C-alpha atoms as a PDB file:
ATOM      1  CA  MET A   1       0.000   0.000   0.000  1.00  0.00           C
ATOM      2  CA  ASP A   2       1.491   3.298  -1.099  1.00  0.00           C
ATOM      3  CA  HIS A   3       0.586   5.844   1.562  1.00  0.00           C
ATOM      4  CA  ASN A   4       1.714   8.768  -0.578  1.00  0.00           C
ATOM      5  CA  LYS A   5      -0.508   7.658  -3.459  1.00  0.00           C
ATOM      6  CA  ILE A   6      -3.498   7.390  -1.121  1.00  0.00           C
ATOM      7  CA  LEU A   7      -2.889  10.888   0.232  1.00  0.00           C
ATOM      8  CA  GLN A   8      -2.642  12.239  -3.322  1.00  0.00           C
ATOM      9  CA  LEU A   9      -5.900  10.559  -4.311  1.00  0.00           C
ATOM     10  CA  LEU A  10      -7.670  12.053  -1.299  1.00  0.00           C
ATOM     11  CA  GLY A  11      -6.969  15.510  -2.707  1.00  0.00           C
ATOM     12  CA  ASN A  12      -9.757  15.135  -5.288  1.00  0.00           C
ATOM     13  CA  GLU A  13     -13.314  16.220  -4.494  1.00  0.00           C
ATOM     14  CA  THR A  14     -14.958  13.502  -6.620  1.00  0.00           C
ATOM     15  CA  ARG A  15     -12.967  10.756  -4.892  1.00  0.00           C
ATOM     16  CA  MET A  16     -13.803  12.216  -1.482  1.00  0.00           C
ATOM     17  CA  ASN A  17     -17.502  12.194  -2.432  1.00  0.00           C
ATOM     18  CA  LEU A  18     -17.190   8.577  -3.578  1.00  0.00           C
ATOM     19  CA  LEU A  19     -15.559   7.623  -0.290  1.00  0.00           C
ATOM     20  CA  TYR A  20     -18.319   9.392   1.623  1.00  0.00           C
ATOM     21  CA  LEU A  21     -20.990   7.400  -0.245  1.00  0.00           C
ATOM     22  CA  LEU A  22     -19.095   4.115   0.121  1.00  0.00           C
ATOM     23  CA  LEU A  23     -18.670   4.691   3.844  1.00  0.00           C
ATOM     24  CA  LYS A  24     -22.461   4.672   4.118  1.00  0.00           C
ATOM     25  CA  GLU A  25     -22.936   1.534   1.984  1.00  0.00           C
ATOM     26  CA  ASP A  26     -21.317  -0.622  -0.673  1.00  0.00           C
ATOM     27  CA  SER A  27     -22.482   0.385  -4.126  1.00  0.00           C
ATOM     28  CA  TYR A  28     -22.095   0.002  -7.884  1.00  0.00           C
ATOM     29  CA  VAL A  29     -20.956   2.400 -10.602  1.00  0.00           C
ATOM     30  CA  GLU A  30     -24.335   3.363 -12.039  1.00  0.00           C
ATOM     31  CA  LYS A  31     -25.822   4.148  -8.637  1.00  0.00           C
ATOM     32  CA  LEU A  32     -22.785   6.207  -7.609  1.00  0.00           C
ATOM     33  CA  ALA A  33     -22.916   8.077 -10.934  1.00  0.00           C
ATOM     34  CA  CYS A  34     -26.564   8.900 -10.391  1.00  0.00           C
ATOM     35  CA  GLU A  35     -25.999  10.072  -6.807  1.00  0.00           C
ATOM     36  CA  LEU A  36     -23.099  12.327  -7.817  1.00  0.00           C
ATOM     37  CA  SER A  37     -24.614  13.477 -11.136  1.00  0.00           C
ATOM     38  CA  LEU A  38     -21.565  12.240 -13.039  1.00  0.00           C
ATOM     39  CA  THR A  39     -21.124   9.815 -15.915  1.00  0.00           C
ATOM     40  CA  PRO A  40     -20.431   6.136 -15.172  1.00  0.00           C
ATOM     41  CA  ALA A  41     -17.151   6.508 -17.102  1.00  0.00           C
ATOM     42  CA  THR A  42     -16.001   9.232 -14.696  1.00  0.00           C
ATOM     43  CA  ILE A  43     -16.946   7.109 -11.687  1.00  0.00           C
ATOM     44  CA  CYS A  44     -15.104   4.085 -13.160  1.00  0.00           C
ATOM     45  CA  TYR A  45     -12.011   6.199 -13.740  1.00  0.00           C
ATOM     46  CA  HIS A  46     -11.873   7.344 -10.115  1.00  0.00           C
ATOM     47  CA  LEU A  47     -12.786   3.953  -8.648  1.00  0.00           C
ATOM     48  CA  LYS A  48     -10.019   2.221 -10.621  1.00  0.00           C
ATOM     49  CA  LYS A  49      -7.449   4.690  -9.303  1.00  0.00           C
ATOM     50  CA  MET A  50      -8.745   4.146  -5.775  1.00  0.00           C
ATOM     51  CA  GLU A  51      -8.784   0.361  -6.219  1.00  0.00           C
ATOM     52  CA  ASN A  52      -5.202   0.326  -7.508  1.00  0.00           C
ATOM     53  CA  ALA A  53      -4.151   2.277  -4.409  1.00  0.00           C
ATOM     54  CA  GLY A  54      -5.978  -0.192  -2.155  1.00  0.00           C
ATOM     55  CA  MET A  55      -8.588   2.304  -0.969  1.00  0.00           C
ATOM     56  CA  VAL A  56     -11.584   0.366  -2.296  1.00  0.00           C
ATOM     57  CA  ARG A  57     -12.286  -3.230  -3.202  1.00  0.00           C
ATOM     58  CA  CYS A  58     -14.670  -4.693  -5.704  1.00  0.00           C
ATOM     59  CA  SER A  59     -16.596  -7.929  -5.959  1.00  0.00           C
ATOM     60  CA  ARG A  60     -19.143  -9.299  -8.380  1.00  0.00           C
ATOM     61  CA  SER A  61     -22.769  -9.673  -7.345  1.00  0.00           C
ATOM     62  CA  GLN A  62     -24.864 -11.097 -10.165  1.00  0.00           C
ATOM     63  CA  PHE A  63     -24.740  -8.439 -12.907  1.00  0.00           C
ATOM     64  CA  TYR A  64     -22.994  -5.726 -10.909  1.00  0.00           C
ATOM     65  CA  ILE A  65     -19.499  -5.043  -9.685  1.00  0.00           C
ATOM     66  CA  ILE A  66     -19.947  -3.834  -6.120  1.00  0.00           C
ATOM     67  CA  TYR A  67     -17.417  -1.425  -4.635  1.00  0.00           C
ATOM     68  CA  SER A  68     -16.665  -1.159  -0.930  1.00  0.00           C
ATOM     69  CA  ILE A  69     -14.270   0.762   1.286  1.00  0.00           C
ATOM     70  CA  ASN A  70     -11.095  -1.044   2.302  1.00  0.00           C
ATOM     71  CA  ARG A  71     -11.568  -0.462   6.012  1.00  0.00           C
ATOM     72  CA  GLU A  72      -8.019  -1.625   6.802  1.00  0.00           C
ATOM     73  CA  VAL A  73      -6.703   1.508   5.085  1.00  0.00           C
ATOM     74  CA  PHE A  74      -9.103   3.940   6.701  1.00  0.00           C
ATOM     75  CA  ASP A  75      -8.721   2.480  10.183  1.00  0.00           C
ATOM     76  CA  LEU A  76      -5.028   3.435  10.169  1.00  0.00           C
ATOM     77  CA  PRO A  77      -4.083   6.508  12.183  1.00  0.00           C
ATOM     78  CA  LEU A  78      -3.017   9.504  10.127  1.00  0.00           C
ATOM     79  CA  LYS A  79       0.534   9.313  11.517  1.00  0.00           C
ATOM     80  CA  GLU A  80       0.949   5.967   9.694  1.00  0.00           C
ATOM     81  CA  PHE A  81       0.567   7.834   6.415  1.00  0.00           C
ATOM     82  CA  ILE A  82       2.916  10.636   7.399  1.00  0.00           C
ATOM     83  CA  GLN A  83       5.750   8.678   9.042  1.00  0.00           C
ATOM     84  CA  LYS A  84       6.195   5.783   6.656  1.00  0.00           C
ATOM     85  CA  SER A  85       8.168   5.728   3.496  1.00  0.00           C
ATOM     86  CA  PRO A  86       6.551   2.555   2.135  1.00  0.00           C
ATOM     87  CA  LYS A  87       9.149   1.692  -0.486  1.00  0.00           C
ATOM     88  CA  ALA A  88      12.016   2.018   1.990  1.00  0.00           C
ATOM     89  CA  ASP A  89      10.192  -0.086   4.584  1.00  0.00           C
ATOM     90  CA  GLN A  90       9.346  -2.928   2.209  1.00  0.00           C
ATOM     91  CA  THR A  91      11.269  -6.163   2.517  1.00  0.00           C
ATOM     92  CA  GLU A  92      12.303  -8.028  -0.605  1.00  0.00           C
ATOM     93  CA  GLU A  93       9.463 -10.476   0.050  1.00  0.00           C
ATOM     94  CA  GLU A  94       6.899  -7.665   0.263  1.00  0.00           C
ATOM     95  CA  LYS A  95       8.217  -6.155  -2.953  1.00  0.00           C
ATOM     96  CA  TYR A  96       7.949  -9.549  -4.650  1.00  0.00           C
ATOM     97  CA  HIS A  97       4.404 -10.036  -3.311  1.00  0.00           C
ATOM     98  CA  ASN A  98       3.296  -6.586  -4.520  1.00  0.00           C
ATOM     99  CA  GLN A  99       4.846  -7.163  -7.941  1.00  0.00           C
ATOM    100  CA  VAL A 100       3.097 -10.537  -8.351  1.00  0.00           C
ATOM    101  CA  VAL A 101      -0.248  -9.059  -7.280  1.00  0.00           C
ATOM    102  CA  SER A 102       0.256  -6.162  -9.675  1.00  0.00           C
ATOM    103  CA  ASN A 103       1.072  -8.548 -12.544  1.00  0.00           C
ATOM    104  CA  PHE A 104      -1.777 -11.014 -12.012  1.00  0.00           C
ATOM    105  CA  PHE A 105      -4.678  -8.842 -10.807  1.00  0.00           C
ATOM    106  CA  ARG A 106      -6.514  -6.227 -12.857  1.00  0.00           C
ATOM    107  CA  TYR A 107      -9.385  -4.265 -11.345  1.00  0.00           C
ATOM    108  CA  GLY A 108      -9.629  -6.769  -8.496  1.00  0.00           C
ATOM    109  CA  LYS A 109      -9.843  -9.750 -10.841  1.00  0.00           C
ATOM    110  CA  LEU A 110      -7.262 -12.489 -11.289  1.00  0.00           C
ATOM    111  CA  THR A 111      -6.271 -12.354 -14.966  1.00  0.00           C
ATOM    112  CA  ARG A 112      -4.761 -15.854 -14.983  1.00  0.00           C
ATOM    113  CA  ILE A 113      -3.606 -18.496 -12.530  1.00  0.00           C
ATOM    114  CA  PRO A 114       0.193 -18.444 -12.351  1.00  0.00           C
ATOM    115  CA  SER A 115       1.938 -21.648 -13.363  1.00  0.00           C
ATOM    116  CA  GLN A 116       4.941 -20.976 -11.121  1.00  0.00           C
ATOM    117  CA  ARG A 117       4.255 -22.380  -7.635  1.00  0.00           C
ATOM    118  CA  LYS A 118       5.691 -19.412  -5.696  1.00  0.00           C
ATOM    119  CA  LYS A 119       3.613 -16.887  -7.659  1.00  0.00           C
ATOM    120  CA  ARG A 120       0.510 -19.072  -7.397  1.00  0.00           C
ATOM    121  CA  GLU A 121       0.877 -19.119  -3.611  1.00  0.00           C
ATOM    122  CA  VAL A 122       1.089 -15.302  -3.529  1.00  0.00           C
ATOM    123  CA  VAL A 123      -2.062 -15.057  -5.661  1.00  0.00           C
ATOM    124  CA  LEU A 124      -3.922 -17.555  -3.470  1.00  0.00           C
ATOM    125  CA  ARG A 125      -2.917 -15.693  -0.301  1.00  0.00           C
ATOM    126  CA  GLU A 126      -4.243 -12.491  -1.842  1.00  0.00           C
ATOM    127  CA  ILE A 127      -7.607 -14.182  -2.505  1.00  0.00           C
ATOM    128  CA  LEU A 128      -7.544 -15.672   1.008  1.00  0.00           C
ATOM    129  CA  LYS A 129      -7.707 -12.115   2.417  1.00  0.00           C
ATOM    130  CA  SER A 130     -11.396 -12.024   1.433  1.00  0.00           C
ATOM    131  CA  PHE A 131     -12.168 -14.891   3.850  1.00  0.00           C
ATOM    132  CA  GLU A 132     -12.988 -14.249   7.496  1.00  0.00           C
ATOM    133  CA  PRO A 133     -10.619 -16.232   9.754  1.00  0.00           C
ATOM    134  CA  ASP A 134     -13.143 -17.570  12.292  1.00  0.00           C
ATOM    135  CA  ARG A 135     -16.000 -18.305   9.928  1.00  0.00           C
ATOM    136  CA  ARG A 136     -17.241 -21.587   8.453  1.00  0.00           C
ATOM    137  CA  TYR A 137     -18.164 -21.529   4.764  1.00  0.00           C
ATOM    138  CA  SER A 138     -20.258 -23.875   2.671  1.00  0.00           C
ATOM    139  CA  GLU A 139     -18.684 -25.016  -0.579  1.00  0.00           C
ATOM    140  CA  GLN A 140     -21.074 -22.734  -2.471  1.00  0.00           C
ATOM    141  CA  GLN A 141     -20.035 -19.731  -0.365  1.00  0.00           C
ATOM    142  CA  VAL A 142     -16.364 -20.505  -1.035  1.00  0.00           C
ATOM    143  CA  ASN A 143     -17.089 -20.831  -4.756  1.00  0.00           C
ATOM    144  CA  ASP A 144     -18.958 -17.506  -4.783  1.00  0.00           C
ATOM    145  CA  LEU A 145     -16.132 -15.686  -2.981  1.00  0.00           C
ATOM    146  CA  ILE A 146     -13.489 -17.112  -5.318  1.00  0.00           C
ATOM    147  CA  HIS A 147     -15.644 -16.529  -8.389  1.00  0.00           C
ATOM    148  CA  GLY A 148     -15.455 -12.814  -7.583  1.00  0.00           C
ATOM    149  CA  PHE A 149     -11.756 -13.074  -8.477  1.00  0.00           C
ATOM    150  CA  HIS A 150     -11.670 -15.726 -11.213  1.00  0.00           C
ATOM    151  CA  GLU A 151     -14.114 -17.986 -13.051  1.00  0.00           C
ATOM    152  CA  ASP A 152     -12.181 -21.208 -12.283  1.00  0.00           C
ATOM    153  CA  HIS A 153     -13.256 -21.377  -8.644  1.00  0.00           C
ATOM    154  CA  CYS A 154     -12.805 -25.177  -8.519  1.00  0.00           C
ATOM    155  CA  THR A 155      -9.077 -25.036  -9.278  1.00  0.00           C
ATOM    156  CA  ILE A 156      -8.471 -22.146  -6.911  1.00  0.00           C
ATOM    157  CA  ARG A 157     -10.471 -23.768  -4.091  1.00  0.00           C
ATOM    158  CA  ARG A 158      -8.575 -27.052  -4.550  1.00  0.00           C
ATOM    159  CA  GLU A 159      -5.225 -25.223  -4.619  1.00  0.00           C
ATOM    160  CA  MET A 160      -6.083 -23.294  -1.447  1.00  0.00           C
ATOM    161  CA  VAL A 161      -6.773 -26.599   0.303  1.00  0.00           C
ATOM    162  CA  MET A 162      -3.592 -28.165  -1.111  1.00  0.00           C
ATOM    163  CA  PHE A 163      -1.475 -25.212   0.044  1.00  0.00           C
ATOM    164  CA  GLY A 164      -3.014 -25.565   3.519  1.00  0.00           C
ATOM    165  CA  MET A 165      -4.709 -22.169   3.402  1.00  0.00           C
ATOM    166  CA  LEU A 166      -8.216 -23.606   3.695  1.00  0.00           C
ATOM    167  CA  SER A 167      -9.253 -26.663   5.660  1.00  0.00           C
ATOM    168  CA  ARG A 168     -12.350 -28.659   4.922  1.00  0.00           C
ATOM    169  CA  ASP A 169     -14.586 -31.298   6.399  1.00  0.00           C
ATOM    170  CA  HIS A 170     -17.009 -32.624   3.785  1.00  0.00           C
ATOM    171  CA  ASP A 171     -18.649 -29.479   2.367  1.00  0.00           C
ATOM    172  CA  VAL A 172     -17.568 -27.084   5.143  1.00  0.00           C
ATOM    173  CA  TYR A 173     -14.474 -24.887   4.724  1.00  0.00           C
ATOM    174  CA  TRP A 174     -12.559 -22.543   7.007  1.00  0.00           C
ATOM    175  CA  VAL A 175      -9.301 -20.595   6.986  1.00  0.00           C
ATOM    176  CA  THR A 176      -6.516 -22.766   8.364  1.00  0.00           C
ATOM    177  CA  PRO A 177      -5.016 -21.102  11.447  1.00  0.00           C
END
């Protein structure tokens, strides 16, 4: 997460209005455009910038892509943004992780499943962030969550179990502690 980029993006009135609306409730492009009297293209432009900075997340719900606030970012104290120089603080592993995520995800979607094991594990761990640690999921719920990232939910679910990220008992799944 690039703190400087987030601070720069907050300097735009349209993005601040989008954040205000998303703080109240998750929403989709057309609804946000209507509420702000802007075109959907303008809303998409700003949401993509915010998503790339980690400020918002998106997921698919039937025919809509639903945007929500990334609460982890906005729960940070302001001094976290001011004190850190993110690039200097990053370890080699964090840099590698961020590069893999940047290469394989576009607009919150996994573009392809990496063939290299190390990269695949990074991608799976990124998807795993959407799971709640202490919750039990049905197989359908797991499929739906994964499908928000990539259409091949079966392969990704199986890989997450094989990598030990998810545990399962019959049709019940949970994040492996």
